[in-house]
Amino acid sequence: MKCPDCQSELKVATLKGVNIHECLKCKGKWFERNELVLAKNKADDGLRWLDFDPFGKDAEKLSTSADGKQCPQCSKKMQSLTYSQSNVVIDKCQSCEGIWLSHGELAKIILYLEKAVNSESVKGLAKDTYKEFIKIFTVHNGLISEVKDFLAVLNILEIRIATEHPQLTQTWQTIENISPTK
C-alpha cells in the first residue's frame, strides 16, 4: 500500500496494541475498518465510552470536502471530513471504510474528546452514565465492552462530583466511616 500523502510504502506498525499501517516518511497512519475506534479506546481508556463512528451516527458531526486522496487499500477516491469542532481532518474511504490520519491527528482527536468530557457538567455525565448502563442490556456489541464503557463514564462522574461538590464527598465519607452500634 502507498501513502496517500507522499506515495511512500506503508509499513505494518503497532499503535497501542492495534496493528495498523504507517508511513515511515510522513508518519501518517492508515486504519482499516474499526481500527481507529480500537486505537482511540486504547489511547485513553477513560474515553472508551465516547463513541466515535465517522461512518454511522457521528457522520452528521462531520463536514465533508472532496480532497481527492487515493485510498491505499482499494485505490478509490477518499472523502476529507472535519470532525465536529476539532479541526481534525479525517480522510475516509466509503468503499472499504478505512481511515487515513496525517501525523499527529489521532492525538488531536484524543485531546478534543478529553476537552469535551472535561467541559461536560455533572448532570450531563449522569445522563451519559445512565445511557451506558442501559446499553449493557440493549446493545449487542459485547457485554464486557459495554460494562467497561459504563465503568469508565461512572469513574469520570465520581471524579467530577468529588471535584465540584467536595462537601458531598466529605459527607459520604463520614457516613461510610460510621460503624453501626449494636
N, C-alpha and C. Protein backbone atom coordinates (compact mmCIF):
# COMPACT_ATOMS: atom_id res chain seq x y z
N MET A 1 0.84 -1.18 0.00
CA MET A 1 0.00 0.00 0.00
C MET A 1 0.89 1.24 0.00
N LYS A 2 0.40 2.29 -0.67
CA LYS A 2 1.12 3.55 -0.78
C LYS A 2 0.46 4.63 0.07
N CYS A 3 1.28 5.49 0.63
CA CYS A 3 0.82 6.61 1.44
C CYS A 3 0.01 7.58 0.56
N PRO A 4 -1.19 7.97 1.00
CA PRO A 4 -1.98 8.93 0.24
C PRO A 4 -1.36 10.33 0.17
N ASP A 5 -0.46 10.65 1.11
CA ASP A 5 0.14 11.97 1.15
C ASP A 5 1.44 12.06 0.35
N CYS A 6 2.37 11.10 0.57
CA CYS A 6 3.69 11.22 -0.05
C CYS A 6 4.04 10.05 -0.97
N GLN A 7 3.14 9.11 -1.12
CA GLN A 7 3.29 7.95 -2.00
C GLN A 7 4.38 6.96 -1.58
N SER A 8 4.89 7.10 -0.35
CA SER A 8 5.86 6.12 0.16
C SER A 8 5.14 4.84 0.52
N GLU A 9 5.91 3.79 0.68
CA GLU A 9 5.35 2.49 1.06
C GLU A 9 4.87 2.53 2.51
N LEU A 10 3.67 2.01 2.77
CA LEU A 10 3.16 1.90 4.13
C LEU A 10 3.67 0.60 4.75
N LYS A 11 4.08 0.68 6.00
CA LYS A 11 4.59 -0.49 6.72
C LYS A 11 3.64 -0.82 7.86
N VAL A 12 3.55 -2.11 8.20
CA VAL A 12 2.74 -2.52 9.34
C VAL A 12 3.40 -2.01 10.61
N ALA A 13 2.59 -1.43 11.49
CA ALA A 13 3.06 -0.90 12.77
C ALA A 13 2.03 -1.23 13.83
N THR A 14 2.45 -1.18 15.07
CA THR A 14 1.54 -1.41 16.18
C THR A 14 1.35 -0.10 16.92
N LEU A 15 0.10 0.29 17.10
CA LEU A 15 -0.25 1.51 17.81
C LEU A 15 -1.18 1.15 18.94
N LYS A 16 -0.69 1.28 20.17
CA LYS A 16 -1.50 0.96 21.35
C LYS A 16 -2.07 -0.46 21.27
N GLY A 17 -1.29 -1.38 20.71
CA GLY A 17 -1.72 -2.77 20.61
C GLY A 17 -2.58 -3.08 19.40
N VAL A 18 -2.78 -2.11 18.52
CA VAL A 18 -3.60 -2.29 17.32
C VAL A 18 -2.67 -2.28 16.12
N ASN A 19 -2.76 -3.30 15.27
CA ASN A 19 -1.96 -3.34 14.05
C ASN A 19 -2.57 -2.42 13.01
N ILE A 20 -1.76 -1.46 12.56
CA ILE A 20 -2.19 -0.50 11.55
C ILE A 20 -1.09 -0.44 10.49
N HIS A 21 -1.24 0.45 9.53
CA HIS A 21 -0.20 0.72 8.54
C HIS A 21 0.25 2.16 8.72
N GLU A 22 1.56 2.38 8.66
CA GLU A 22 2.10 3.71 8.89
C GLU A 22 3.12 4.05 7.80
N CYS A 23 3.15 5.32 7.43
CA CYS A 23 4.16 5.81 6.51
C CYS A 23 5.38 6.22 7.33
N LEU A 24 6.51 5.63 7.07
CA LEU A 24 7.72 5.94 7.83
C LEU A 24 8.26 7.34 7.48
N LYS A 25 7.89 7.83 6.31
CA LYS A 25 8.39 9.14 5.87
C LYS A 25 7.60 10.29 6.50
N CYS A 26 6.28 10.30 6.32
CA CYS A 26 5.47 11.44 6.81
C CYS A 26 4.72 11.12 8.11
N LYS A 27 4.80 9.88 8.57
CA LYS A 27 4.20 9.42 9.84
C LYS A 27 2.68 9.40 9.82
N GLY A 28 2.06 9.43 8.64
CA GLY A 28 0.62 9.25 8.54
C GLY A 28 0.25 7.82 8.88
N LYS A 29 -1.02 7.61 9.25
CA LYS A 29 -1.46 6.30 9.69
C LYS A 29 -2.73 5.88 8.95
N TRP A 30 -2.74 4.60 8.53
CA TRP A 30 -3.89 4.02 7.87
C TRP A 30 -4.57 3.05 8.83
N PHE A 31 -5.86 3.27 9.07
CA PHE A 31 -6.66 2.43 9.94
C PHE A 31 -7.70 1.70 9.10
N GLU A 32 -7.63 0.39 9.10
CA GLU A 32 -8.68 -0.36 8.43
C GLU A 32 -9.94 -0.26 9.28
N ARG A 33 -11.05 -0.76 8.74
CA ARG A 33 -12.35 -0.66 9.40
C ARG A 33 -12.25 -1.02 10.89
N ASN A 34 -12.75 -0.14 11.75
CA ASN A 34 -12.83 -0.28 13.21
C ASN A 34 -11.49 -0.14 13.95
N GLU A 35 -10.37 -0.06 13.26
CA GLU A 35 -9.09 0.06 13.94
C GLU A 35 -8.92 1.42 14.63
N LEU A 36 -9.49 2.48 14.07
CA LEU A 36 -9.39 3.79 14.70
C LEU A 36 -10.11 3.81 16.04
N VAL A 37 -11.27 3.20 16.11
CA VAL A 37 -12.02 3.12 17.36
C VAL A 37 -11.23 2.34 18.40
N LEU A 38 -10.64 1.22 18.00
CA LEU A 38 -9.83 0.43 18.92
C LEU A 38 -8.63 1.23 19.42
N ALA A 39 -7.97 1.94 18.52
CA ALA A 39 -6.80 2.74 18.91
C ALA A 39 -7.20 3.88 19.84
N LYS A 40 -8.33 4.51 19.58
CA LYS A 40 -8.85 5.58 20.45
C LYS A 40 -9.13 5.04 21.84
N ASN A 41 -9.76 3.89 21.91
CA ASN A 41 -10.10 3.28 23.21
C ASN A 41 -8.84 2.92 23.99
N LYS A 42 -7.83 2.43 23.30
CA LYS A 42 -6.61 2.03 23.99
C LYS A 42 -5.71 3.23 24.31
N ALA A 43 -5.85 4.31 23.57
CA ALA A 43 -5.05 5.51 23.83
C ALA A 43 -5.46 6.16 25.15
N ASP A 44 -6.76 6.12 25.46
CA ASP A 44 -7.26 6.68 26.71
C ASP A 44 -8.50 5.89 27.12
N ASP A 45 -8.30 4.94 28.02
CA ASP A 45 -9.39 4.04 28.42
C ASP A 45 -10.57 4.81 29.01
N GLY A 46 -10.32 5.98 29.58
CA GLY A 46 -11.39 6.79 30.13
C GLY A 46 -12.32 7.35 29.07
N LEU A 47 -11.87 7.33 27.82
CA LEU A 47 -12.70 7.85 26.72
C LEU A 47 -13.41 6.75 25.94
N ARG A 48 -13.22 5.52 26.34
CA ARG A 48 -13.76 4.40 25.57
C ARG A 48 -15.28 4.48 25.42
N TRP A 49 -15.97 5.06 26.39
CA TRP A 49 -17.42 5.16 26.34
C TRP A 49 -17.91 6.16 25.31
N LEU A 50 -17.01 7.09 24.90
CA LEU A 50 -17.38 8.05 23.87
C LEU A 50 -17.31 7.35 22.52
N ASP A 51 -18.45 7.17 21.92
CA ASP A 51 -18.48 6.51 20.62
C ASP A 51 -17.90 7.45 19.57
N PHE A 52 -17.11 6.87 18.70
CA PHE A 52 -16.54 7.64 17.60
C PHE A 52 -16.74 6.81 16.34
N ASP A 53 -17.73 7.19 15.56
CA ASP A 53 -18.08 6.42 14.38
C ASP A 53 -18.29 7.37 13.20
N PRO A 54 -17.21 7.66 12.46
CA PRO A 54 -17.36 8.59 11.35
C PRO A 54 -18.17 8.03 10.18
N PHE A 55 -18.61 6.78 10.27
CA PHE A 55 -19.43 6.19 9.22
C PHE A 55 -20.88 6.04 9.63
N GLY A 56 -21.18 6.18 10.92
CA GLY A 56 -22.52 5.97 11.42
C GLY A 56 -23.12 7.21 12.01
N LYS A 57 -23.44 7.13 13.32
CA LYS A 57 -24.17 8.22 13.95
C LYS A 57 -23.36 9.50 14.08
N ASP A 58 -22.02 9.43 14.04
CA ASP A 58 -21.21 10.64 14.10
C ASP A 58 -21.11 11.34 12.74
N ALA A 59 -21.62 10.71 11.71
CA ALA A 59 -21.48 11.26 10.37
C ALA A 59 -22.07 12.66 10.25
N GLU A 60 -23.16 12.94 11.01
CA GLU A 60 -23.76 14.27 10.92
C GLU A 60 -22.88 15.33 11.56
N LYS A 61 -21.90 14.94 12.37
CA LYS A 61 -20.98 15.88 13.01
C LYS A 61 -19.81 16.23 12.09
N LEU A 62 -19.76 15.61 10.94
CA LEU A 62 -18.62 15.78 10.06
C LEU A 62 -18.97 16.66 8.89
N SER A 63 -18.10 17.59 8.56
CA SER A 63 -18.28 18.36 7.34
C SER A 63 -17.33 17.77 6.30
N THR A 64 -17.80 17.66 5.10
CA THR A 64 -17.02 16.97 4.08
C THR A 64 -16.50 17.91 3.00
N SER A 65 -15.42 17.46 2.39
CA SER A 65 -14.91 18.12 1.19
C SER A 65 -14.22 17.06 0.35
N ALA A 66 -14.15 17.28 -0.91
CA ALA A 66 -13.52 16.33 -1.81
C ALA A 66 -12.04 16.68 -1.93
N ASP A 67 -11.22 16.00 -1.18
CA ASP A 67 -9.77 16.26 -1.19
C ASP A 67 -9.12 15.52 -2.35
N GLY A 68 -9.63 14.35 -2.63
CA GLY A 68 -9.12 13.60 -3.76
C GLY A 68 -7.98 12.64 -3.45
N LYS A 69 -7.66 12.42 -2.18
CA LYS A 69 -6.62 11.46 -1.85
C LYS A 69 -7.09 10.06 -2.25
N GLN A 70 -6.12 9.26 -2.62
CA GLN A 70 -6.43 7.91 -3.07
C GLN A 70 -6.31 6.93 -1.91
N CYS A 71 -7.31 6.08 -1.75
CA CYS A 71 -7.31 5.08 -0.70
C CYS A 71 -6.16 4.10 -0.91
N PRO A 72 -5.32 3.89 0.11
CA PRO A 72 -4.19 2.98 -0.05
C PRO A 72 -4.61 1.51 -0.15
N GLN A 73 -5.82 1.20 0.28
CA GLN A 73 -6.27 -0.19 0.28
C GLN A 73 -6.99 -0.57 -1.01
N CYS A 74 -7.94 0.27 -1.43
CA CYS A 74 -8.74 -0.10 -2.61
C CYS A 74 -8.58 0.87 -3.78
N SER A 75 -7.76 1.90 -3.62
CA SER A 75 -7.43 2.87 -4.67
C SER A 75 -8.57 3.78 -5.09
N LYS A 76 -9.67 3.80 -4.36
CA LYS A 76 -10.77 4.70 -4.69
C LYS A 76 -10.51 6.06 -4.05
N LYS A 77 -11.20 7.08 -4.55
CA LYS A 77 -11.07 8.43 -4.03
C LYS A 77 -11.70 8.51 -2.65
N MET A 78 -10.98 9.10 -1.69
CA MET A 78 -11.50 9.24 -0.33
C MET A 78 -12.13 10.60 -0.13
N GLN A 79 -12.96 10.71 0.91
CA GLN A 79 -13.56 11.97 1.32
C GLN A 79 -12.74 12.54 2.46
N SER A 80 -12.59 13.84 2.51
CA SER A 80 -11.97 14.51 3.65
C SER A 80 -13.07 15.03 4.54
N LEU A 81 -12.98 14.70 5.82
CA LEU A 81 -14.00 15.07 6.78
C LEU A 81 -13.35 15.83 7.93
N THR A 82 -13.99 16.88 8.38
CA THR A 82 -13.54 17.59 9.57
C THR A 82 -14.46 17.17 10.70
N TYR A 83 -13.86 16.56 11.75
CA TYR A 83 -14.67 16.03 12.84
C TYR A 83 -15.14 17.14 13.77
N SER A 84 -16.45 17.34 13.83
CA SER A 84 -17.11 18.28 14.72
C SER A 84 -16.38 19.62 14.73
N GLN A 85 -16.06 20.14 15.90
CA GLN A 85 -15.38 21.43 16.02
C GLN A 85 -13.88 21.27 16.25
N SER A 86 -13.35 20.09 15.98
CA SER A 86 -11.96 19.77 16.35
C SER A 86 -10.92 20.27 15.36
N ASN A 87 -11.31 20.60 14.16
CA ASN A 87 -10.40 20.95 13.08
C ASN A 87 -9.49 19.79 12.67
N VAL A 88 -9.84 18.56 13.07
CA VAL A 88 -9.08 17.37 12.68
C VAL A 88 -9.68 16.83 11.39
N VAL A 89 -8.83 16.71 10.38
CA VAL A 89 -9.28 16.22 9.08
C VAL A 89 -9.05 14.71 9.01
N ILE A 90 -10.11 14.01 8.72
CA ILE A 90 -10.08 12.56 8.58
C ILE A 90 -10.35 12.26 7.11
N ASP A 91 -9.49 11.48 6.50
CA ASP A 91 -9.74 11.05 5.12
C ASP A 91 -10.28 9.64 5.20
N LYS A 92 -11.49 9.45 4.69
CA LYS A 92 -12.12 8.13 4.79
C LYS A 92 -12.52 7.61 3.43
N CYS A 93 -12.48 6.31 3.34
CA CYS A 93 -12.89 5.63 2.12
C CYS A 93 -14.27 5.05 2.34
N GLN A 94 -15.20 5.46 1.52
CA GLN A 94 -16.57 4.94 1.64
C GLN A 94 -16.64 3.48 1.23
N SER A 95 -15.73 3.05 0.40
CA SER A 95 -15.77 1.69 -0.12
C SER A 95 -15.30 0.66 0.91
N CYS A 96 -14.08 0.80 1.40
CA CYS A 96 -13.52 -0.20 2.33
C CYS A 96 -13.62 0.25 3.79
N GLU A 97 -14.09 1.49 4.04
CA GLU A 97 -14.28 2.07 5.36
C GLU A 97 -12.97 2.27 6.13
N GLY A 98 -11.88 2.40 5.41
CA GLY A 98 -10.61 2.72 6.04
C GLY A 98 -10.50 4.21 6.29
N ILE A 99 -9.60 4.58 7.22
CA ILE A 99 -9.42 5.99 7.58
C ILE A 99 -7.94 6.33 7.57
N TRP A 100 -7.60 7.45 6.94
CA TRP A 100 -6.23 7.95 6.91
C TRP A 100 -6.15 9.17 7.80
N LEU A 101 -5.16 9.15 8.71
CA LEU A 101 -4.88 10.31 9.55
C LEU A 101 -3.45 10.74 9.30
N SER A 102 -3.26 12.02 9.05
CA SER A 102 -1.91 12.55 8.92
C SER A 102 -1.26 12.57 10.30
N HIS A 103 0.05 12.78 10.32
CA HIS A 103 0.82 12.75 11.56
C HIS A 103 0.21 13.67 12.63
N GLY A 104 -0.01 13.14 13.82
CA GLY A 104 -0.49 13.91 14.96
C GLY A 104 -2.00 14.05 15.07
N GLU A 105 -2.74 13.59 14.07
CA GLU A 105 -4.19 13.80 14.10
C GLU A 105 -4.89 12.91 15.13
N LEU A 106 -4.39 11.69 15.38
CA LEU A 106 -5.00 10.86 16.42
C LEU A 106 -4.86 11.54 17.78
N ALA A 107 -3.71 12.10 18.07
CA ALA A 107 -3.50 12.81 19.34
C ALA A 107 -4.46 14.01 19.44
N LYS A 108 -4.71 14.69 18.33
CA LYS A 108 -5.64 15.82 18.32
C LYS A 108 -7.07 15.35 18.59
N ILE A 109 -7.45 14.19 18.04
CA ILE A 109 -8.78 13.64 18.29
C ILE A 109 -8.93 13.33 19.77
N ILE A 110 -7.92 12.67 20.36
CA ILE A 110 -7.97 12.32 21.78
C ILE A 110 -8.07 13.59 22.63
N LEU A 111 -7.27 14.59 22.32
CA LEU A 111 -7.31 15.86 23.07
C LEU A 111 -8.68 16.52 22.96
N TYR A 112 -9.25 16.52 21.76
CA TYR A 112 -10.58 17.10 21.55
C TYR A 112 -11.62 16.38 22.40
N LEU A 113 -11.58 15.04 22.41
CA LEU A 113 -12.55 14.26 23.19
C LEU A 113 -12.35 14.49 24.69
N GLU A 114 -11.09 14.59 25.13
CA GLU A 114 -10.81 14.87 26.55
C GLU A 114 -11.38 16.23 26.95
N LYS A 115 -11.21 17.23 26.10
CA LYS A 115 -11.76 18.56 26.39
C LYS A 115 -13.28 18.52 26.45
N ALA A 116 -13.89 17.74 25.56
CA ALA A 116 -15.35 17.61 25.56
C ALA A 116 -15.83 16.99 26.87
N VAL A 117 -15.14 15.96 27.35
CA VAL A 117 -15.50 15.33 28.62
C VAL A 117 -15.29 16.29 29.78
N ASN A 118 -14.18 17.01 29.78
CA ASN A 118 -13.87 17.93 30.87
C ASN A 118 -14.84 19.11 30.95
N SER A 119 -15.47 19.44 29.85
CA SER A 119 -16.41 20.56 29.86
C SER A 119 -17.85 20.11 30.14
N GLU A 120 -18.07 18.81 30.24
CA GLU A 120 -19.42 18.30 30.49
C GLU A 120 -19.77 18.45 31.96
N SER A 121 -21.02 18.80 32.22
CA SER A 121 -21.49 19.01 33.59
C SER A 121 -21.74 17.66 34.28
N VAL A 122 -21.92 17.73 35.60
CA VAL A 122 -22.28 16.53 36.36
C VAL A 122 -23.59 15.96 35.83
N LYS A 123 -24.54 16.83 35.54
CA LYS A 123 -25.84 16.38 35.02
C LYS A 123 -25.66 15.65 33.68
N GLY A 124 -24.83 16.22 32.82
CA GLY A 124 -24.57 15.57 31.53
C GLY A 124 -23.89 14.22 31.69
N LEU A 125 -22.91 14.17 32.59
CA LEU A 125 -22.21 12.90 32.84
C LEU A 125 -23.15 11.87 33.47
N ALA A 126 -24.07 12.33 34.33
CA ALA A 126 -25.05 11.41 34.92
C ALA A 126 -25.94 10.81 33.83
N LYS A 127 -26.34 11.64 32.87
CA LYS A 127 -27.15 11.14 31.75
C LYS A 127 -26.34 10.14 30.92
N ASP A 128 -25.07 10.45 30.68
CA ASP A 128 -24.21 9.54 29.92
C ASP A 128 -24.02 8.22 30.66
N THR A 129 -23.89 8.29 31.98
CA THR A 129 -23.74 7.08 32.79
C THR A 129 -24.98 6.22 32.66
N TYR A 130 -26.14 6.85 32.74
CA TYR A 130 -27.40 6.12 32.59
C TYR A 130 -27.50 5.46 31.21
N LYS A 131 -27.15 6.21 30.17
CA LYS A 131 -27.20 5.66 28.80
C LYS A 131 -26.27 4.46 28.67
N GLU A 132 -25.07 4.56 29.24
CA GLU A 132 -24.13 3.44 29.15
C GLU A 132 -24.64 2.23 29.95
N PHE A 133 -25.31 2.48 31.07
CA PHE A 133 -25.89 1.39 31.85
C PHE A 133 -26.95 0.66 31.04
N ILE A 134 -27.81 1.41 30.38
CA ILE A 134 -28.87 0.82 29.55
C ILE A 134 -28.27 0.01 28.40
N LYS A 135 -27.17 0.50 27.83
CA LYS A 135 -26.52 -0.21 26.71
C LYS A 135 -26.06 -1.61 27.11
N ILE A 136 -25.74 -1.80 28.39
CA ILE A 136 -25.30 -3.12 28.84
C ILE A 136 -26.37 -4.16 28.50
N PHE A 137 -27.64 -3.78 28.59
CA PHE A 137 -28.74 -4.72 28.39
C PHE A 137 -29.36 -4.67 27.00
N THR A 138 -29.03 -3.62 26.23
CA THR A 138 -29.71 -3.46 24.94
C THR A 138 -28.80 -3.55 23.72
N VAL A 139 -27.53 -3.24 23.88
CA VAL A 139 -26.61 -3.25 22.74
C VAL A 139 -25.87 -4.58 22.73
N HIS A 140 -25.73 -5.14 21.57
CA HIS A 140 -25.14 -6.47 21.46
C HIS A 140 -23.74 -6.43 20.85
N ASN A 141 -22.93 -5.44 21.26
CA ASN A 141 -21.55 -5.34 20.79
C ASN A 141 -20.60 -6.14 21.65
N GLY A 142 -21.10 -6.71 22.70
CA GLY A 142 -20.27 -7.46 23.63
C GLY A 142 -20.49 -6.94 25.03
N LEU A 143 -20.90 -7.81 25.92
CA LEU A 143 -21.22 -7.44 27.28
C LEU A 143 -20.02 -6.84 28.00
N ILE A 144 -18.86 -7.44 27.85
CA ILE A 144 -17.67 -6.96 28.54
C ILE A 144 -17.33 -5.54 28.10
N SER A 145 -17.39 -5.29 26.80
CA SER A 145 -17.10 -3.96 26.27
C SER A 145 -18.08 -2.92 26.81
N GLU A 146 -19.36 -3.27 26.86
CA GLU A 146 -20.37 -2.32 27.34
C GLU A 146 -20.20 -2.07 28.84
N VAL A 147 -19.86 -3.09 29.62
CA VAL A 147 -19.62 -2.90 31.05
C VAL A 147 -18.40 -2.00 31.26
N LYS A 148 -17.34 -2.20 30.47
CA LYS A 148 -16.16 -1.35 30.58
C LYS A 148 -16.50 0.10 30.25
N ASP A 149 -17.34 0.31 29.23
CA ASP A 149 -17.77 1.68 28.88
C ASP A 149 -18.53 2.31 30.04
N PHE A 150 -19.44 1.55 30.65
CA PHE A 150 -20.22 2.04 31.78
C PHE A 150 -19.31 2.41 32.94
N LEU A 151 -18.36 1.54 33.26
CA LEU A 151 -17.46 1.79 34.39
C LEU A 151 -16.56 3.00 34.13
N ALA A 152 -16.16 3.20 32.87
CA ALA A 152 -15.31 4.35 32.53
C ALA A 152 -16.05 5.66 32.77
N VAL A 153 -17.29 5.77 32.29
CA VAL A 153 -18.03 7.02 32.46
C VAL A 153 -18.45 7.18 33.92
N LEU A 154 -18.74 6.09 34.63
CA LEU A 154 -19.08 6.17 36.05
C LEU A 154 -17.89 6.71 36.85
N ASN A 155 -16.70 6.26 36.51
CA ASN A 155 -15.49 6.76 37.18
C ASN A 155 -15.32 8.26 36.97
N ILE A 156 -15.53 8.71 35.75
CA ILE A 156 -15.42 10.14 35.45
C ILE A 156 -16.48 10.93 36.22
N LEU A 157 -17.70 10.38 36.29
CA LEU A 157 -18.76 11.03 37.05
C LEU A 157 -18.39 11.15 38.53
N GLU A 158 -17.86 10.09 39.10
CA GLU A 158 -17.45 10.12 40.51
C GLU A 158 -16.38 11.19 40.76
N ILE A 159 -15.41 11.24 39.86
CA ILE A 159 -14.35 12.25 40.00
C ILE A 159 -14.92 13.66 39.87
N ARG A 160 -15.82 13.85 38.92
CA ARG A 160 -16.41 15.18 38.73
C ARG A 160 -17.24 15.60 39.93
N ILE A 161 -18.01 14.67 40.51
CA ILE A 161 -18.80 15.01 41.70
C ILE A 161 -17.86 15.38 42.84
N ALA A 162 -16.81 14.59 43.02
CA ALA A 162 -15.85 14.87 44.10
C ALA A 162 -15.19 16.23 43.91
N THR A 163 -14.94 16.60 42.68
CA THR A 163 -14.28 17.88 42.38
C THR A 163 -15.23 19.05 42.54
N GLU A 164 -16.44 18.91 42.01
CA GLU A 164 -17.38 20.02 42.03
C GLU A 164 -18.16 20.14 43.34
N HIS A 165 -18.27 19.05 44.08
CA HIS A 165 -19.07 19.05 45.31
C HIS A 165 -18.29 18.37 46.44
N PRO A 166 -17.19 19.00 46.89
CA PRO A 166 -16.37 18.36 47.92
C PRO A 166 -17.13 18.13 49.24
N GLN A 167 -18.09 19.00 49.56
CA GLN A 167 -18.86 18.81 50.79
C GLN A 167 -19.66 17.51 50.73
N LEU A 168 -20.22 17.21 49.59
CA LEU A 168 -20.98 15.97 49.41
C LEU A 168 -20.07 14.76 49.59
N THR A 169 -18.88 14.85 49.04
CA THR A 169 -17.91 13.76 49.17
C THR A 169 -17.51 13.57 50.62
N GLN A 170 -17.28 14.67 51.36
CA GLN A 170 -16.92 14.57 52.77
C GLN A 170 -18.05 13.96 53.58
N THR A 171 -19.27 14.35 53.28
CA THR A 171 -20.43 13.79 53.97
C THR A 171 -20.54 12.30 53.70
N TRP A 172 -20.37 11.91 52.48
CA TRP A 172 -20.44 10.49 52.11
C TRP A 172 -19.35 9.69 52.83
N GLN A 173 -18.15 10.22 52.88
CA GLN A 173 -17.05 9.53 53.56
C GLN A 173 -17.34 9.41 55.06
N THR A 174 -17.94 10.43 55.64
CA THR A 174 -18.31 10.38 57.05
C THR A 174 -19.33 9.28 57.28
N ILE A 175 -20.32 9.19 56.42
CA ILE A 175 -21.36 8.15 56.53
C ILE A 175 -20.72 6.77 56.41
N GLU A 176 -19.80 6.61 55.48
CA GLU A 176 -19.14 5.31 55.30
C GLU A 176 -18.31 4.92 56.51
N ASN A 177 -17.75 5.89 57.22
CA ASN A 177 -16.90 5.61 58.38
C ASN A 177 -17.66 5.36 59.67
N ILE A 178 -18.94 5.69 59.70
CA ILE A 178 -19.75 5.46 60.89
C ILE A 178 -20.06 3.96 60.95
N SER A 179 -19.68 3.36 62.07
CA SER A 179 -20.00 1.93 62.23
C SER A 179 -21.28 1.79 63.02
N PRO A 180 -22.12 0.86 62.61
CA PRO A 180 -23.41 0.70 63.32
C PRO A 180 -23.17 0.18 64.74
N THR A 181 -24.01 0.67 65.66
CA THR A 181 -23.93 0.20 67.05
C THR A 181 -24.89 -0.94 67.26
N LYS A 182 -24.54 -1.83 68.20
CA LYS A 182 -25.39 -3.00 68.43
C LYS A 182 -26.21 -2.85 69.66
